[in-house]
Amino acid sequence: MTLPALIQKQHEKVTVNKVKTAYSLLNQAYTLAKAKNGDINYWFQENSTFETDEDGSVSQNDSGRKNQDIFWDKLVPYLKITSRCKASENTCKKPANLYTLTGNIRNIDIKSYSIINLVNGMSVFGG
């Protein structure tokens, strides 16, 4: 094997382990939240919709942002977090860089999404 192939393989292993860790943390939190709060289908408000602006960008209506907050209100007690920004407050600041799993920088308008920062350095946004 060549050195670039070994480096690529190592990067792939690191990425896979990060995804597995994120999945495990969120799955554990969801399982505990579901045990305490019941089925997820009964957590949310009605009339949660997405709206498309003139420029084609998609955002959630107020009810959708409140539903994100409800979702994270149920999960956060089971996560070790350093900070949280609520979607309904519309004050979330974009992290310095958002990367896809392939390492590309992704530009997303996340001001209407919740952002949860975990103690392990992982950031989760959306809802």
N, C-alpha and C. Protein backbone atom coordinates (compact mmCIF):
# COMPACT_ATOMS: atom_id res chain seq x y z
N MET A 1 0.84 -1.19 0.00
CA MET A 1 0.00 0.00 0.00
C MET A 1 0.88 1.24 0.00
N THR A 2 0.37 2.25 -0.66
CA THR A 2 1.10 3.52 -0.70
C THR A 2 0.72 4.36 0.51
N LEU A 3 1.56 5.33 0.81
CA LEU A 3 1.31 6.20 1.95
C LEU A 3 -0.01 6.97 1.80
N PRO A 4 -0.32 7.55 0.63
CA PRO A 4 -1.62 8.23 0.49
C PRO A 4 -2.81 7.30 0.72
N ALA A 5 -2.68 6.04 0.30
CA ALA A 5 -3.77 5.08 0.53
C ALA A 5 -3.93 4.79 2.01
N LEU A 6 -2.83 4.68 2.73
CA LEU A 6 -2.90 4.45 4.18
C LEU A 6 -3.51 5.65 4.91
N ILE A 7 -3.12 6.85 4.48
CA ILE A 7 -3.67 8.07 5.10
C ILE A 7 -5.18 8.15 4.85
N GLN A 8 -5.58 7.86 3.61
CA GLN A 8 -7.01 7.88 3.26
C GLN A 8 -7.79 6.87 4.09
N LYS A 9 -7.23 5.69 4.24
CA LYS A 9 -7.89 4.64 5.01
C LYS A 9 -8.04 5.07 6.48
N GLN A 10 -7.00 5.71 7.03
CA GLN A 10 -7.06 6.19 8.42
C GLN A 10 -8.11 7.27 8.56
N HIS A 11 -8.18 8.21 7.61
CA HIS A 11 -9.20 9.27 7.66
C HIS A 11 -10.60 8.66 7.61
N GLU A 12 -10.76 7.64 6.80
CA GLU A 12 -12.05 6.98 6.70
C GLU A 12 -12.44 6.33 8.03
N LYS A 13 -11.49 5.68 8.68
CA LYS A 13 -11.75 5.05 9.99
C LYS A 13 -12.15 6.09 11.03
N VAL A 14 -11.45 7.21 11.03
CA VAL A 14 -11.75 8.28 11.99
C VAL A 14 -13.16 8.81 11.75
N THR A 15 -13.52 9.04 10.50
CA THR A 15 -14.85 9.55 10.16
C THR A 15 -15.93 8.55 10.56
N VAL A 16 -15.73 7.29 10.26
CA VAL A 16 -16.70 6.26 10.62
C VAL A 16 -16.88 6.21 12.13
N ASN A 17 -15.80 6.30 12.88
CA ASN A 17 -15.91 6.28 14.35
C ASN A 17 -16.64 7.50 14.88
N LYS A 18 -16.43 8.66 14.26
CA LYS A 18 -17.16 9.87 14.69
C LYS A 18 -18.66 9.72 14.44
N VAL A 19 -19.01 9.17 13.30
CA VAL A 19 -20.43 8.96 12.98
C VAL A 19 -21.04 7.95 13.94
N LYS A 20 -20.33 6.88 14.23
CA LYS A 20 -20.82 5.88 15.17
C LYS A 20 -21.02 6.48 16.56
N THR A 21 -20.09 7.31 16.99
CA THR A 21 -20.20 7.96 18.30
C THR A 21 -21.42 8.89 18.33
N ALA A 22 -21.59 9.70 17.29
CA ALA A 22 -22.74 10.61 17.22
C ALA A 22 -24.04 9.83 17.23
N TYR A 23 -24.11 8.78 16.43
CA TYR A 23 -25.32 7.96 16.37
C TYR A 23 -25.62 7.35 17.74
N SER A 24 -24.61 6.82 18.39
CA SER A 24 -24.80 6.18 19.68
C SER A 24 -25.30 7.17 20.73
N LEU A 25 -24.66 8.35 20.80
CA LEU A 25 -25.08 9.36 21.79
C LEU A 25 -26.52 9.80 21.56
N LEU A 26 -26.87 10.09 20.30
CA LEU A 26 -28.22 10.56 20.00
C LEU A 26 -29.25 9.45 20.16
N ASN A 27 -28.89 8.24 19.81
CA ASN A 27 -29.81 7.12 19.96
C ASN A 27 -30.09 6.84 21.44
N GLN A 28 -29.07 6.89 22.27
CA GLN A 28 -29.27 6.69 23.71
C GLN A 28 -30.17 7.78 24.30
N ALA A 29 -29.91 9.03 23.91
CA ALA A 29 -30.73 10.13 24.41
C ALA A 29 -32.18 9.97 23.94
N TYR A 30 -32.37 9.62 22.69
CA TYR A 30 -33.72 9.44 22.16
C TYR A 30 -34.45 8.30 22.88
N THR A 31 -33.75 7.20 23.10
CA THR A 31 -34.36 6.05 23.77
C THR A 31 -34.82 6.42 25.18
N LEU A 32 -33.98 7.15 25.91
CA LEU A 32 -34.35 7.57 27.26
C LEU A 32 -35.49 8.59 27.24
N ALA A 33 -35.45 9.53 26.30
CA ALA A 33 -36.52 10.53 26.18
C ALA A 33 -37.84 9.87 25.82
N LYS A 34 -37.79 8.89 24.94
CA LYS A 34 -39.01 8.17 24.54
C LYS A 34 -39.57 7.39 25.72
N ALA A 35 -38.71 6.80 26.53
CA ALA A 35 -39.17 6.05 27.69
C ALA A 35 -39.88 6.97 28.69
N LYS A 36 -39.39 8.19 28.83
CA LYS A 36 -39.99 9.13 29.78
C LYS A 36 -41.20 9.86 29.20
N ASN A 37 -41.15 10.25 27.92
CA ASN A 37 -42.16 11.14 27.34
C ASN A 37 -43.12 10.47 26.39
N GLY A 38 -42.96 9.18 26.15
CA GLY A 38 -43.85 8.49 25.24
C GLY A 38 -43.41 8.60 23.80
N ASP A 39 -44.25 8.13 22.90
CA ASP A 39 -43.93 8.09 21.48
C ASP A 39 -43.69 9.49 20.93
N ILE A 40 -42.70 9.62 20.06
CA ILE A 40 -42.31 10.91 19.50
C ILE A 40 -43.45 11.56 18.71
N ASN A 41 -44.36 10.79 18.18
CA ASN A 41 -45.47 11.34 17.40
C ASN A 41 -46.38 12.24 18.23
N TYR A 42 -46.29 12.18 19.54
CA TYR A 42 -47.15 12.99 20.40
C TYR A 42 -46.40 14.14 21.07
N TRP A 43 -45.18 14.40 20.67
CA TRP A 43 -44.39 15.45 21.29
C TRP A 43 -44.67 16.84 20.71
N PHE A 44 -45.19 16.94 19.51
CA PHE A 44 -45.14 18.19 18.76
C PHE A 44 -46.47 18.90 18.61
N GLN A 45 -46.36 20.19 18.21
CA GLN A 45 -47.53 21.01 17.92
C GLN A 45 -48.00 20.74 16.49
N GLU A 46 -49.23 21.10 16.24
CA GLU A 46 -49.79 20.97 14.89
C GLU A 46 -49.25 22.10 14.00
N ASN A 47 -49.51 21.97 12.72
CA ASN A 47 -49.23 23.02 11.73
C ASN A 47 -47.75 23.37 11.58
N SER A 48 -46.89 22.39 11.74
CA SER A 48 -45.48 22.61 11.49
C SER A 48 -45.22 22.45 10.00
N THR A 49 -44.82 23.54 9.36
CA THR A 49 -44.58 23.49 7.92
C THR A 49 -43.29 24.19 7.58
N PHE A 50 -42.84 23.94 6.36
CA PHE A 50 -41.69 24.65 5.82
C PHE A 50 -42.19 25.69 4.83
N GLU A 51 -41.48 26.81 4.77
CA GLU A 51 -41.85 27.88 3.87
C GLU A 51 -40.68 28.14 2.92
N THR A 52 -40.98 28.47 1.66
CA THR A 52 -39.94 28.78 0.69
C THR A 52 -39.95 30.27 0.42
N ASP A 53 -38.79 30.91 0.59
CA ASP A 53 -38.66 32.34 0.32
C ASP A 53 -38.55 32.59 -1.17
N GLU A 54 -38.57 33.87 -1.56
CA GLU A 54 -38.47 34.25 -2.96
C GLU A 54 -37.18 33.76 -3.59
N ASP A 55 -36.10 33.73 -2.81
CA ASP A 55 -34.81 33.29 -3.35
C ASP A 55 -34.66 31.77 -3.36
N GLY A 56 -35.70 31.06 -2.92
CA GLY A 56 -35.68 29.60 -2.95
C GLY A 56 -35.18 28.94 -1.69
N SER A 57 -34.76 29.74 -0.69
CA SER A 57 -34.30 29.13 0.55
C SER A 57 -35.50 28.66 1.37
N VAL A 58 -35.32 27.56 2.07
CA VAL A 58 -36.39 26.93 2.82
C VAL A 58 -36.18 27.19 4.31
N SER A 59 -37.24 27.59 4.99
CA SER A 59 -37.17 27.78 6.44
C SER A 59 -38.45 27.26 7.06
N GLN A 60 -38.41 27.07 8.35
CA GLN A 60 -39.59 26.58 9.06
C GLN A 60 -40.43 27.75 9.54
N ASN A 61 -41.73 27.51 9.66
CA ASN A 61 -42.58 28.54 10.24
C ASN A 61 -42.39 28.53 11.76
N ASP A 62 -43.05 29.44 12.47
CA ASP A 62 -42.88 29.53 13.92
C ASP A 62 -43.21 28.23 14.62
N SER A 63 -44.25 27.55 14.18
CA SER A 63 -44.64 26.30 14.81
C SER A 63 -43.54 25.25 14.62
N GLY A 64 -42.92 25.24 13.47
CA GLY A 64 -41.83 24.31 13.21
C GLY A 64 -40.63 24.57 14.11
N ARG A 65 -40.30 25.85 14.31
CA ARG A 65 -39.19 26.20 15.20
C ARG A 65 -39.52 25.81 16.64
N LYS A 66 -40.77 26.01 17.06
CA LYS A 66 -41.15 25.61 18.41
C LYS A 66 -41.08 24.09 18.57
N ASN A 67 -41.43 23.37 17.52
CA ASN A 67 -41.34 21.91 17.58
C ASN A 67 -39.90 21.45 17.71
N GLN A 68 -38.97 22.14 17.06
CA GLN A 68 -37.55 21.83 17.26
C GLN A 68 -37.18 21.99 18.73
N ASP A 69 -37.63 23.09 19.31
CA ASP A 69 -37.33 23.34 20.72
C ASP A 69 -37.93 22.25 21.61
N ILE A 70 -39.15 21.83 21.30
CA ILE A 70 -39.79 20.75 22.07
C ILE A 70 -38.96 19.48 21.96
N PHE A 71 -38.54 19.15 20.74
CA PHE A 71 -37.73 17.95 20.50
C PHE A 71 -36.46 17.99 21.36
N TRP A 72 -35.73 19.11 21.29
CA TRP A 72 -34.48 19.19 22.05
C TRP A 72 -34.72 19.31 23.55
N ASP A 73 -35.85 19.93 23.96
CA ASP A 73 -36.19 19.96 25.39
C ASP A 73 -36.29 18.55 25.95
N LYS A 74 -36.77 17.62 25.13
CA LYS A 74 -36.93 16.23 25.57
C LYS A 74 -35.59 15.48 25.57
N LEU A 75 -34.69 15.81 24.62
CA LEU A 75 -33.43 15.08 24.51
C LEU A 75 -32.29 15.64 25.36
N VAL A 76 -32.22 16.95 25.52
CA VAL A 76 -31.08 17.58 26.20
C VAL A 76 -30.82 17.03 27.60
N PRO A 77 -31.83 16.68 28.39
CA PRO A 77 -31.52 16.15 29.72
C PRO A 77 -30.68 14.87 29.67
N TYR A 78 -30.63 14.21 28.54
CA TYR A 78 -29.90 12.95 28.42
C TYR A 78 -28.59 13.11 27.65
N LEU A 79 -28.20 14.35 27.37
CA LEU A 79 -26.96 14.64 26.68
C LEU A 79 -26.08 15.52 27.57
N LYS A 80 -24.78 15.36 27.46
CA LYS A 80 -23.85 16.25 28.17
C LYS A 80 -23.51 17.38 27.21
N ILE A 81 -24.08 18.56 27.51
CA ILE A 81 -23.92 19.69 26.59
C ILE A 81 -23.13 20.83 27.23
N THR A 82 -22.51 21.65 26.37
CA THR A 82 -21.84 22.86 26.84
C THR A 82 -22.71 24.08 26.58
N SER A 83 -23.51 24.04 25.50
CA SER A 83 -24.39 25.17 25.20
C SER A 83 -25.52 24.72 24.28
N ARG A 84 -26.54 25.56 24.25
CA ARG A 84 -27.71 25.29 23.41
C ARG A 84 -28.29 26.61 22.93
N CYS A 85 -28.63 26.65 21.67
CA CYS A 85 -29.29 27.81 21.09
C CYS A 85 -30.63 27.33 20.56
N LYS A 86 -31.72 27.97 20.98
CA LYS A 86 -33.06 27.54 20.58
C LYS A 86 -33.47 28.17 19.26
N ALA A 87 -34.10 27.36 18.42
CA ALA A 87 -34.55 27.82 17.10
C ALA A 87 -35.59 28.92 17.21
N SER A 88 -36.48 28.83 18.19
CA SER A 88 -37.56 29.81 18.30
C SER A 88 -37.05 31.19 18.68
N GLU A 89 -35.84 31.26 19.23
CA GLU A 89 -35.27 32.56 19.58
C GLU A 89 -34.61 33.21 18.38
N ASN A 90 -34.36 32.41 17.33
CA ASN A 90 -33.80 32.90 16.07
C ASN A 90 -32.51 33.70 16.28
N THR A 91 -31.70 33.31 17.25
CA THR A 91 -30.45 34.01 17.53
C THR A 91 -29.24 33.10 17.36
N CYS A 92 -29.44 31.93 16.80
CA CYS A 92 -28.33 30.99 16.65
C CYS A 92 -27.31 31.54 15.67
N LYS A 93 -26.06 31.45 16.06
CA LYS A 93 -24.98 31.89 15.20
C LYS A 93 -24.37 30.69 14.51
N LYS A 94 -24.05 30.86 13.26
CA LYS A 94 -23.47 29.78 12.47
C LYS A 94 -22.08 29.43 13.02
N PRO A 95 -21.80 28.14 13.19
CA PRO A 95 -20.46 27.74 13.58
C PRO A 95 -19.44 28.19 12.53
N ALA A 96 -18.17 28.25 12.91
CA ALA A 96 -17.14 28.72 11.99
C ALA A 96 -17.17 27.97 10.66
N ASN A 97 -17.22 26.66 10.71
CA ASN A 97 -17.27 25.85 9.49
C ASN A 97 -18.17 24.65 9.71
N LEU A 98 -18.95 24.33 8.71
CA LEU A 98 -19.76 23.12 8.71
C LEU A 98 -19.21 22.23 7.62
N TYR A 99 -18.84 21.01 7.99
CA TYR A 99 -18.26 20.08 7.03
C TYR A 99 -19.17 18.89 6.79
N THR A 100 -19.19 18.42 5.56
CA THR A 100 -19.88 17.18 5.24
C THR A 100 -18.96 16.03 5.63
N LEU A 101 -19.47 14.81 5.55
CA LEU A 101 -18.65 13.65 5.88
C LEU A 101 -17.48 13.48 4.92
N THR A 102 -17.58 14.06 3.73
CA THR A 102 -16.48 13.97 2.77
C THR A 102 -15.45 15.07 2.97
N GLY A 103 -15.70 15.95 3.94
CA GLY A 103 -14.74 17.01 4.25
C GLY A 103 -14.98 18.32 3.53
N ASN A 104 -16.03 18.39 2.72
CA ASN A 104 -16.34 19.64 2.02
C ASN A 104 -17.05 20.60 2.96
N ILE A 105 -16.79 21.90 2.79
CA ILE A 105 -17.47 22.91 3.58
C ILE A 105 -18.89 23.06 3.04
N ARG A 106 -19.85 23.12 3.93
CA ARG A 106 -21.27 23.20 3.55
C ARG A 106 -21.83 24.53 4.05
N ASN A 107 -22.44 25.28 3.17
CA ASN A 107 -23.08 26.54 3.54
C ASN A 107 -24.56 26.30 3.74
N ILE A 108 -25.03 26.48 4.96
CA ILE A 108 -26.43 26.28 5.30
C ILE A 108 -26.88 27.46 6.13
N ASP A 109 -28.06 27.97 5.83
CA ASP A 109 -28.62 29.04 6.64
C ASP A 109 -29.24 28.38 7.87
N ILE A 110 -28.51 28.39 8.98
CA ILE A 110 -28.98 27.65 10.15
C ILE A 110 -29.54 28.57 11.24
N LYS A 111 -29.81 29.82 10.90
CA LYS A 111 -30.31 30.72 11.93
C LYS A 111 -31.67 30.31 12.47
N SER A 112 -32.40 29.46 11.74
CA SER A 112 -33.71 29.02 12.24
C SER A 112 -33.66 27.59 12.77
N TYR A 113 -32.46 27.09 13.04
CA TYR A 113 -32.31 25.75 13.59
C TYR A 113 -31.74 25.82 14.99
N SER A 114 -32.06 24.83 15.80
CA SER A 114 -31.45 24.71 17.11
C SER A 114 -30.02 24.19 16.95
N ILE A 115 -29.14 24.64 17.83
CA ILE A 115 -27.76 24.15 17.83
C ILE A 115 -27.44 23.67 19.23
N ILE A 116 -26.98 22.44 19.33
CA ILE A 116 -26.60 21.84 20.60
C ILE A 116 -25.11 21.52 20.51
N ASN A 117 -24.32 22.04 21.43
CA ASN A 117 -22.89 21.74 21.49
C ASN A 117 -22.64 20.78 22.64
N LEU A 118 -22.06 19.65 22.31
CA LEU A 118 -21.80 18.61 23.29
C LEU A 118 -20.39 18.75 23.88
N VAL A 119 -20.18 18.18 25.07
CA VAL A 119 -18.89 18.29 25.74
C VAL A 119 -17.76 17.62 24.97
N ASN A 120 -18.08 16.67 24.10
CA ASN A 120 -17.04 16.00 23.33
C ASN A 120 -16.61 16.80 22.10
N GLY A 121 -17.17 18.01 21.92
CA GLY A 121 -16.80 18.87 20.79
C GLY A 121 -17.73 18.76 19.61
N MET A 122 -18.64 17.82 19.63
CA MET A 122 -19.59 17.64 18.53
C MET A 122 -20.69 18.69 18.63
N SER A 123 -21.09 19.22 17.48
CA SER A 123 -22.24 20.13 17.40
C SER A 123 -23.33 19.45 16.60
N VAL A 124 -24.55 19.58 17.09
CA VAL A 124 -25.71 19.01 16.40
C VAL A 124 -26.67 20.15 16.13
N PHE A 125 -27.14 20.27 14.89
CA PHE A 125 -28.12 21.30 14.62
C PHE A 125 -29.27 20.71 13.86
N GLY A 126 -30.41 21.35 13.98
CA GLY A 126 -31.61 20.87 13.33
C GLY A 126 -32.64 20.43 14.35
N GLY A 127 -33.57 19.71 13.89
CA GLY A 127 -34.60 19.26 14.80
C GLY A 127 -35.66 18.46 14.11
